[in-house]
């Protein structure tokens, strides 16, 4: 699993012009699920997102997590995050999990994050969405469930 995680002041996701999820201060996570992801990958990614220390403390150091600040996580399914640009000019999505399995994995990731007592509104799996956000910093990181990320 991979997620593009952005520290935000506020964010919302819309489907057909209707707001489906909105947050104030917190994180937006655009999530790509790969065909070889397992339960351990989901648990690792949820833990990493919940505990990632990218909010500033009183001394101005990135030392606080979304849990520490009482923030929320807007979780948005985005299969293109699982894409590869290693060859050629057109991205390959061969590594992305099939939608019929990935939908359940996305829901399970949202549930795992809620297990940390976070409020986790979500986008709609498979829908055309518009995400609007105010990136704070800007702080944007690629977080993976593999040990190299």
N, C-alpha and C. Protein backbone atom coordinates (compact mmCIF):
# COMPACT_ATOMS: atom_id res chain seq x y z
N UNK A 1 0.85 -1.18 0.00
CA UNK A 1 0.00 0.00 0.00
C UNK A 1 0.89 1.23 0.00
N UNK A 2 0.39 2.22 -0.67
CA UNK A 2 1.09 3.51 -0.73
C UNK A 2 0.07 4.60 -0.46
N UNK A 3 0.54 5.66 0.18
CA UNK A 3 -0.32 6.81 0.39
C UNK A 3 0.48 8.09 0.21
N UNK A 4 -0.10 9.03 -0.49
CA UNK A 4 0.43 10.39 -0.54
C UNK A 4 -0.27 11.09 0.62
N UNK A 5 0.50 11.48 1.63
CA UNK A 5 -0.06 12.08 2.84
C UNK A 5 0.30 13.56 2.86
N UNK A 6 -0.73 14.39 3.02
CA UNK A 6 -0.53 15.83 3.06
C UNK A 6 -1.06 16.40 4.37
N UNK A 7 -0.26 17.24 4.99
CA UNK A 7 -0.72 17.96 6.18
C UNK A 7 -1.57 19.13 5.70
N UNK A 8 -2.78 19.24 6.23
CA UNK A 8 -3.71 20.24 5.72
C UNK A 8 -4.33 21.07 6.85
N UNK A 9 -4.76 22.28 6.46
CA UNK A 9 -5.55 23.12 7.35
C UNK A 9 -7.02 22.76 7.24
N UNK A 10 -7.43 22.32 6.02
CA UNK A 10 -8.79 21.86 5.78
C UNK A 10 -8.81 21.14 4.44
N UNK A 11 -9.82 20.29 4.26
CA UNK A 11 -9.94 19.55 3.00
C UNK A 11 -11.35 18.99 2.88
N UNK A 12 -11.75 18.76 1.62
CA UNK A 12 -13.02 18.08 1.37
C UNK A 12 -12.93 17.30 0.08
N UNK A 13 -13.75 16.26 0.00
CA UNK A 13 -13.86 15.47 -1.22
C UNK A 13 -15.32 15.50 -1.65
N UNK A 14 -15.53 15.74 -2.96
CA UNK A 14 -16.88 15.82 -3.53
C UNK A 14 -17.06 14.76 -4.61
N UNK A 15 -18.28 14.26 -4.70
CA UNK A 15 -18.70 13.35 -5.76
C UNK A 15 -19.98 13.93 -6.33
N UNK A 16 -19.99 14.16 -7.64
CA UNK A 16 -21.15 14.77 -8.31
C UNK A 16 -21.57 16.08 -7.63
N UNK A 17 -20.59 16.87 -7.23
CA UNK A 17 -20.87 18.16 -6.62
C UNK A 17 -21.28 18.10 -5.15
N UNK A 18 -21.45 16.91 -4.60
CA UNK A 18 -21.88 16.74 -3.21
C UNK A 18 -20.67 16.43 -2.32
N UNK A 19 -20.53 17.16 -1.22
CA UNK A 19 -19.44 16.90 -0.28
C UNK A 19 -19.68 15.56 0.39
N UNK A 20 -18.72 14.64 0.24
CA UNK A 20 -18.83 13.31 0.84
C UNK A 20 -17.99 13.18 2.09
N UNK A 21 -17.01 14.05 2.25
CA UNK A 21 -16.16 14.03 3.43
C UNK A 21 -15.44 15.36 3.55
N UNK A 22 -15.30 15.85 4.77
CA UNK A 22 -14.60 17.12 4.99
C UNK A 22 -13.91 17.08 6.34
N UNK A 23 -12.77 17.75 6.43
CA UNK A 23 -12.03 17.84 7.69
C UNK A 23 -11.49 19.25 7.86
N UNK A 24 -11.15 19.57 9.09
CA UNK A 24 -10.38 20.76 9.41
C UNK A 24 -8.92 20.36 9.41
N UNK A 25 -8.18 20.78 10.41
CA UNK A 25 -6.75 20.47 10.50
C UNK A 25 -6.54 18.96 10.61
N UNK A 26 -5.62 18.46 9.83
CA UNK A 26 -5.34 17.03 9.86
C UNK A 26 -4.56 16.59 8.65
N UNK A 27 -4.90 15.40 8.15
CA UNK A 27 -4.18 14.79 7.04
C UNK A 27 -5.15 14.39 5.93
N UNK A 28 -4.69 14.54 4.70
CA UNK A 28 -5.35 13.94 3.55
C UNK A 28 -4.43 12.81 3.10
N UNK A 29 -5.00 11.62 2.93
CA UNK A 29 -4.22 10.48 2.46
C UNK A 29 -4.86 9.93 1.19
N UNK A 30 -4.14 10.05 0.07
CA UNK A 30 -4.55 9.49 -1.21
C UNK A 30 -3.94 8.09 -1.27
N UNK A 31 -4.77 7.06 -1.27
CA UNK A 31 -4.30 5.70 -1.05
C UNK A 31 -4.37 4.85 -2.32
N UNK A 32 -3.25 4.20 -2.63
CA UNK A 32 -3.18 3.22 -3.71
C UNK A 32 -2.93 1.85 -3.11
N UNK A 33 -3.73 0.88 -3.51
CA UNK A 33 -3.61 -0.48 -2.98
C UNK A 33 -3.03 -1.37 -4.07
N UNK A 34 -1.98 -2.12 -3.72
CA UNK A 34 -1.29 -2.95 -4.69
C UNK A 34 -1.71 -4.41 -4.57
N UNK A 35 -1.57 -5.14 -5.68
CA UNK A 35 -2.10 -6.51 -5.74
C UNK A 35 -1.49 -7.45 -4.71
N UNK A 36 -0.28 -7.17 -4.23
CA UNK A 36 0.35 -8.06 -3.26
C UNK A 36 0.23 -7.57 -1.81
N UNK A 37 -0.61 -6.57 -1.56
CA UNK A 37 -0.80 -6.07 -0.19
C UNK A 37 -1.53 -7.10 0.66
N UNK A 38 -1.12 -7.18 1.92
CA UNK A 38 -1.68 -8.13 2.88
C UNK A 38 -2.16 -7.39 4.12
N UNK A 39 -2.72 -8.11 5.05
CA UNK A 39 -3.21 -7.52 6.31
C UNK A 39 -2.12 -6.74 7.02
N UNK A 40 -0.90 -7.28 7.01
CA UNK A 40 0.22 -6.61 7.68
C UNK A 40 0.53 -5.26 7.04
N UNK A 41 0.35 -5.16 5.71
CA UNK A 41 0.59 -3.89 5.02
C UNK A 41 -0.43 -2.85 5.47
N UNK A 42 -1.69 -3.28 5.57
CA UNK A 42 -2.75 -2.37 6.01
C UNK A 42 -2.48 -1.89 7.43
N UNK A 43 -2.14 -2.81 8.33
CA UNK A 43 -1.88 -2.44 9.72
C UNK A 43 -0.70 -1.47 9.82
N UNK A 44 0.34 -1.75 9.04
CA UNK A 44 1.53 -0.89 9.06
C UNK A 44 1.20 0.51 8.55
N UNK A 45 0.47 0.58 7.44
CA UNK A 45 0.14 1.89 6.87
C UNK A 45 -0.76 2.69 7.81
N UNK A 46 -1.75 2.05 8.40
CA UNK A 46 -2.64 2.75 9.34
C UNK A 46 -1.84 3.28 10.53
N UNK A 47 -0.96 2.46 11.08
CA UNK A 47 -0.15 2.88 12.21
C UNK A 47 0.77 4.04 11.83
N UNK A 48 1.37 3.95 10.66
CA UNK A 48 2.28 5.00 10.19
C UNK A 48 1.54 6.32 10.01
N UNK A 49 0.36 6.29 9.37
CA UNK A 49 -0.41 7.52 9.15
C UNK A 49 -0.84 8.12 10.49
N UNK A 50 -1.32 7.29 11.39
CA UNK A 50 -1.81 7.79 12.68
C UNK A 50 -0.70 8.39 13.54
N UNK A 51 0.50 7.85 13.43
CA UNK A 51 1.58 8.27 14.33
C UNK A 51 2.67 9.11 13.67
N UNK A 52 2.53 9.41 12.38
CA UNK A 52 3.52 10.20 11.66
C UNK A 52 3.64 11.58 12.30
N UNK A 53 4.83 11.92 12.76
CA UNK A 53 5.04 13.18 13.48
C UNK A 53 5.41 14.29 12.49
N UNK A 54 4.37 14.94 11.95
CA UNK A 54 4.60 16.00 10.95
C UNK A 54 3.90 17.31 11.31
N UNK A 55 3.39 17.39 12.54
CA UNK A 55 2.81 18.65 13.02
C UNK A 55 3.78 19.26 14.02
N UNK A 56 3.86 20.59 13.99
CA UNK A 56 4.84 21.28 14.83
C UNK A 56 4.40 21.36 16.29
N UNK A 57 5.39 21.19 17.17
CA UNK A 57 5.15 21.38 18.59
C UNK A 57 5.39 22.85 18.94
N UNK A 58 5.38 23.18 20.22
CA UNK A 58 5.54 24.57 20.67
C UNK A 58 6.90 25.14 20.28
N UNK A 59 7.88 24.28 20.08
CA UNK A 59 9.22 24.73 19.70
C UNK A 59 9.39 24.82 18.17
N UNK A 60 8.34 24.54 17.43
CA UNK A 60 8.40 24.63 15.97
C UNK A 60 8.99 23.39 15.31
N UNK A 61 9.17 22.32 16.05
CA UNK A 61 9.71 21.07 15.50
C UNK A 61 8.57 20.15 15.09
N UNK A 62 8.74 19.44 13.98
CA UNK A 62 7.76 18.43 13.58
C UNK A 62 7.88 17.27 14.57
N UNK A 63 7.02 17.30 15.57
CA UNK A 63 7.14 16.36 16.67
C UNK A 63 5.79 15.78 17.08
N UNK A 64 4.70 16.22 16.45
CA UNK A 64 3.37 15.79 16.86
C UNK A 64 2.67 15.05 15.73
N UNK A 65 1.85 14.07 16.10
CA UNK A 65 1.07 13.31 15.12
C UNK A 65 -0.33 13.88 15.02
N UNK A 66 -1.09 13.38 14.06
CA UNK A 66 -2.49 13.78 13.92
C UNK A 66 -3.26 13.40 15.19
N UNK A 67 -2.88 12.32 15.84
CA UNK A 67 -3.50 11.95 17.11
C UNK A 67 -3.21 13.00 18.18
N UNK A 68 -1.96 13.46 18.24
CA UNK A 68 -1.56 14.44 19.25
C UNK A 68 -2.31 15.76 19.12
N UNK A 69 -2.62 16.15 17.89
CA UNK A 69 -3.28 17.45 17.70
C UNK A 69 -4.80 17.34 17.68
N UNK A 70 -5.32 16.12 17.78
CA UNK A 70 -6.78 15.93 17.72
C UNK A 70 -7.34 16.18 16.34
N UNK A 71 -6.54 15.89 15.30
CA UNK A 71 -6.96 16.12 13.93
C UNK A 71 -7.69 14.93 13.33
N UNK A 72 -8.08 15.07 12.08
CA UNK A 72 -8.81 14.04 11.35
C UNK A 72 -7.99 13.59 10.15
N UNK A 73 -8.40 12.48 9.56
CA UNK A 73 -7.76 11.97 8.34
C UNK A 73 -8.84 11.82 7.27
N UNK A 74 -8.69 12.56 6.17
CA UNK A 74 -9.56 12.38 5.02
C UNK A 74 -8.89 11.35 4.13
N UNK A 75 -9.51 10.19 4.02
CA UNK A 75 -8.94 9.06 3.28
C UNK A 75 -9.62 8.97 1.91
N UNK A 76 -8.80 9.03 0.86
CA UNK A 76 -9.33 9.06 -0.51
C UNK A 76 -8.71 7.92 -1.32
N UNK A 77 -9.56 7.01 -1.86
CA UNK A 77 -9.01 5.96 -2.71
C UNK A 77 -8.50 6.56 -4.01
N UNK A 78 -7.30 6.13 -4.42
CA UNK A 78 -6.70 6.69 -5.62
C UNK A 78 -5.76 5.65 -6.24
N UNK A 79 -6.29 4.84 -7.16
CA UNK A 79 -5.49 3.75 -7.73
C UNK A 79 -4.25 4.26 -8.45
N UNK A 80 -4.24 5.51 -8.90
CA UNK A 80 -3.07 6.01 -9.62
C UNK A 80 -1.84 6.10 -8.72
N UNK A 81 -2.03 6.15 -7.41
CA UNK A 81 -0.90 6.16 -6.48
C UNK A 81 -0.14 4.83 -6.58
N UNK A 82 -0.81 3.76 -6.96
CA UNK A 82 -0.17 2.45 -7.13
C UNK A 82 0.47 2.31 -8.51
N UNK A 83 0.41 3.35 -9.30
CA UNK A 83 0.97 3.31 -10.65
C UNK A 83 2.49 3.37 -10.64
N UNK A 84 3.07 3.00 -11.76
CA UNK A 84 4.51 3.04 -11.93
C UNK A 84 4.84 3.86 -13.18
N UNK A 85 5.86 4.70 -13.07
CA UNK A 85 6.33 5.47 -14.21
C UNK A 85 7.75 5.05 -14.59
N UNK A 86 8.14 3.84 -14.19
CA UNK A 86 9.50 3.36 -14.41
C UNK A 86 9.85 3.21 -15.89
N UNK A 87 8.87 2.82 -16.71
CA UNK A 87 9.14 2.60 -18.13
C UNK A 87 8.24 3.49 -18.98
N UNK A 88 8.81 4.02 -20.01
CA UNK A 88 8.03 4.78 -20.97
C UNK A 88 7.45 6.06 -20.40
N UNK A 89 6.43 6.56 -21.10
CA UNK A 89 5.84 7.84 -20.72
C UNK A 89 4.41 7.70 -20.23
N UNK A 90 3.85 6.53 -20.39
CA UNK A 90 2.49 6.30 -19.89
C UNK A 90 2.60 5.46 -18.63
N UNK A 91 1.94 5.88 -17.55
CA UNK A 91 2.03 5.09 -16.32
C UNK A 91 1.41 3.71 -16.49
N UNK A 92 1.98 2.76 -15.79
CA UNK A 92 1.45 1.40 -15.75
C UNK A 92 0.72 1.19 -14.43
N UNK A 93 -0.44 0.59 -14.49
CA UNK A 93 -1.21 0.31 -13.28
C UNK A 93 -1.31 -1.19 -13.03
N UNK A 94 -0.37 -1.95 -13.62
CA UNK A 94 -0.36 -3.40 -13.46
C UNK A 94 -0.21 -3.81 -11.99
N UNK A 95 0.44 -3.00 -11.19
CA UNK A 95 0.66 -3.34 -9.79
C UNK A 95 -0.54 -3.06 -8.89
N UNK A 96 -1.53 -2.35 -9.40
CA UNK A 96 -2.70 -1.99 -8.58
C UNK A 96 -3.60 -3.22 -8.39
N UNK A 97 -4.14 -3.35 -7.19
CA UNK A 97 -5.07 -4.44 -6.90
C UNK A 97 -6.34 -4.25 -7.71
N UNK A 98 -6.95 -5.33 -8.12
CA UNK A 98 -8.21 -5.29 -8.86
C UNK A 98 -9.28 -4.58 -8.01
N UNK A 99 -10.13 -3.77 -8.63
CA UNK A 99 -11.12 -2.99 -7.88
C UNK A 99 -12.02 -3.82 -6.96
N UNK A 100 -12.40 -5.01 -7.41
CA UNK A 100 -13.31 -5.81 -6.60
C UNK A 100 -12.69 -6.23 -5.26
N UNK A 101 -11.35 -6.37 -5.20
CA UNK A 101 -10.68 -6.65 -3.93
C UNK A 101 -10.25 -5.37 -3.22
N UNK A 102 -9.81 -4.39 -4.01
CA UNK A 102 -9.26 -3.16 -3.44
C UNK A 102 -10.30 -2.37 -2.65
N UNK A 103 -11.55 -2.43 -3.06
CA UNK A 103 -12.60 -1.71 -2.35
C UNK A 103 -12.70 -2.16 -0.90
N UNK A 104 -12.69 -3.46 -0.68
CA UNK A 104 -12.73 -3.99 0.69
C UNK A 104 -11.48 -3.64 1.48
N UNK A 105 -10.32 -3.66 0.82
CA UNK A 105 -9.07 -3.29 1.49
C UNK A 105 -9.09 -1.82 1.91
N UNK A 106 -9.63 -0.97 1.04
CA UNK A 106 -9.73 0.45 1.37
C UNK A 106 -10.63 0.64 2.60
N UNK A 107 -11.78 -0.03 2.61
CA UNK A 107 -12.68 0.06 3.76
C UNK A 107 -12.01 -0.45 5.03
N UNK A 108 -11.23 -1.52 4.90
CA UNK A 108 -10.53 -2.07 6.06
C UNK A 108 -9.46 -1.10 6.58
N UNK A 109 -8.81 -0.37 5.67
CA UNK A 109 -7.82 0.63 6.09
C UNK A 109 -8.51 1.76 6.85
N UNK A 110 -9.66 2.22 6.36
CA UNK A 110 -10.41 3.26 7.07
C UNK A 110 -10.79 2.77 8.46
N UNK A 111 -11.22 1.53 8.56
CA UNK A 111 -11.59 0.94 9.85
C UNK A 111 -10.37 0.87 10.77
N UNK A 112 -9.22 0.47 10.23
CA UNK A 112 -8.00 0.39 11.03
C UNK A 112 -7.61 1.76 11.58
N UNK A 113 -7.75 2.80 10.78
CA UNK A 113 -7.45 4.16 11.25
C UNK A 113 -8.44 4.60 12.32
N UNK A 114 -9.70 4.24 12.14
CA UNK A 114 -10.71 4.57 13.16
C UNK A 114 -10.42 3.85 14.48
N UNK A 115 -9.72 2.74 14.38
CA UNK A 115 -9.32 2.00 15.58
C UNK A 115 -8.38 2.79 16.47
N UNK A 116 -7.78 3.84 15.93
CA UNK A 116 -6.92 4.74 16.72
C UNK A 116 -7.74 5.90 17.30
N UNK A 117 -9.05 5.82 17.21
CA UNK A 117 -9.98 6.86 17.66
C UNK A 117 -9.88 8.13 16.81
N UNK A 118 -9.52 7.96 15.55
CA UNK A 118 -9.50 9.08 14.61
C UNK A 118 -10.84 9.17 13.89
N UNK A 119 -11.24 10.39 13.56
CA UNK A 119 -12.38 10.58 12.66
C UNK A 119 -11.83 10.46 11.26
N UNK A 120 -12.42 9.57 10.44
CA UNK A 120 -11.88 9.26 9.12
C UNK A 120 -12.99 9.29 8.07
N UNK A 121 -13.36 10.49 7.60
CA UNK A 121 -14.28 10.53 6.46
C UNK A 121 -13.53 10.02 5.22
N UNK A 122 -14.27 9.51 4.25
CA UNK A 122 -13.63 8.92 3.07
C UNK A 122 -14.26 9.42 1.78
N UNK A 123 -13.48 9.27 0.73
CA UNK A 123 -14.01 9.43 -0.61
C UNK A 123 -14.79 8.18 -0.96
N UNK A 124 -15.27 8.11 -2.19
CA UNK A 124 -16.08 6.99 -2.64
C UNK A 124 -15.27 6.15 -3.61
N UNK A 125 -15.06 4.89 -3.26
CA UNK A 125 -14.26 4.00 -4.09
C UNK A 125 -14.87 3.87 -5.48
N UNK A 126 -14.05 4.06 -6.51
CA UNK A 126 -14.48 3.90 -7.89
C UNK A 126 -15.18 5.12 -8.49
N UNK A 127 -15.42 6.13 -7.70
CA UNK A 127 -16.13 7.32 -8.19
C UNK A 127 -15.15 8.34 -8.73
N UNK A 128 -15.64 9.20 -9.59
CA UNK A 128 -14.90 10.38 -10.04
C UNK A 128 -15.05 11.40 -8.92
N UNK A 129 -13.93 11.82 -8.34
CA UNK A 129 -13.96 12.71 -7.16
C UNK A 129 -13.17 13.98 -7.43
N UNK A 130 -13.53 15.03 -6.71
CA UNK A 130 -12.76 16.25 -6.68
C UNK A 130 -12.33 16.46 -5.23
N UNK A 131 -11.02 16.64 -5.06
CA UNK A 131 -10.46 16.85 -3.72
C UNK A 131 -9.95 18.28 -3.66
N UNK A 132 -10.41 19.00 -2.66
CA UNK A 132 -9.96 20.37 -2.46
C UNK A 132 -9.31 20.43 -1.09
N UNK A 133 -8.13 21.06 -1.03
CA UNK A 133 -7.43 21.12 0.25
C UNK A 133 -6.54 22.34 0.33
N UNK A 134 -6.22 22.70 1.56
CA UNK A 134 -5.22 23.73 1.82
C UNK A 134 -4.06 23.03 2.50
N UNK A 135 -3.00 22.78 1.70
CA UNK A 135 -1.83 22.09 2.20
C UNK A 135 -1.09 23.02 3.15
N UNK A 136 -0.75 22.52 4.32
CA UNK A 136 -0.12 23.31 5.37
C UNK A 136 1.37 23.05 5.36
N UNK A 137 2.15 24.04 4.95
CA UNK A 137 3.60 23.91 4.98
C UNK A 137 4.26 24.41 3.69
N UNK A 138 4.11 23.76 2.59
CA UNK A 138 3.43 22.49 2.35
C UNK A 138 4.23 21.30 2.89
N UNK A 139 3.51 20.34 3.43
CA UNK A 139 4.10 19.08 3.87
C UNK A 139 3.38 17.97 3.12
N UNK A 140 4.12 17.25 2.28
CA UNK A 140 3.58 16.14 1.49
C UNK A 140 4.60 15.01 1.49
N UNK A 141 4.16 13.81 1.87
CA UNK A 141 5.07 12.67 1.97
C UNK A 141 4.47 11.45 1.29
N UNK A 142 5.35 10.61 0.74
CA UNK A 142 4.94 9.30 0.26
C UNK A 142 5.17 8.32 1.41
N UNK A 143 4.11 7.65 1.82
CA UNK A 143 4.20 6.67 2.91
C UNK A 143 3.84 5.33 2.32
N UNK A 144 4.69 4.33 2.56
CA UNK A 144 4.42 3.00 2.03
C UNK A 144 4.35 1.97 3.15
N UNK A 145 3.75 0.85 2.85
CA UNK A 145 3.67 -0.22 3.83
C UNK A 145 4.91 -1.09 3.79
N UNK A 146 5.80 -0.82 2.88
CA UNK A 146 7.05 -1.59 2.79
C UNK A 146 8.12 -0.93 3.66
N UNK A 147 9.11 -1.67 4.07
CA UNK A 147 10.14 -1.14 4.97
C UNK A 147 11.01 -0.07 4.34
N UNK A 148 11.02 0.05 3.02
CA UNK A 148 11.85 1.06 2.38
C UNK A 148 11.17 2.42 2.29
N UNK A 149 9.95 2.58 2.83
CA UNK A 149 9.25 3.85 2.73
C UNK A 149 8.85 4.34 4.06
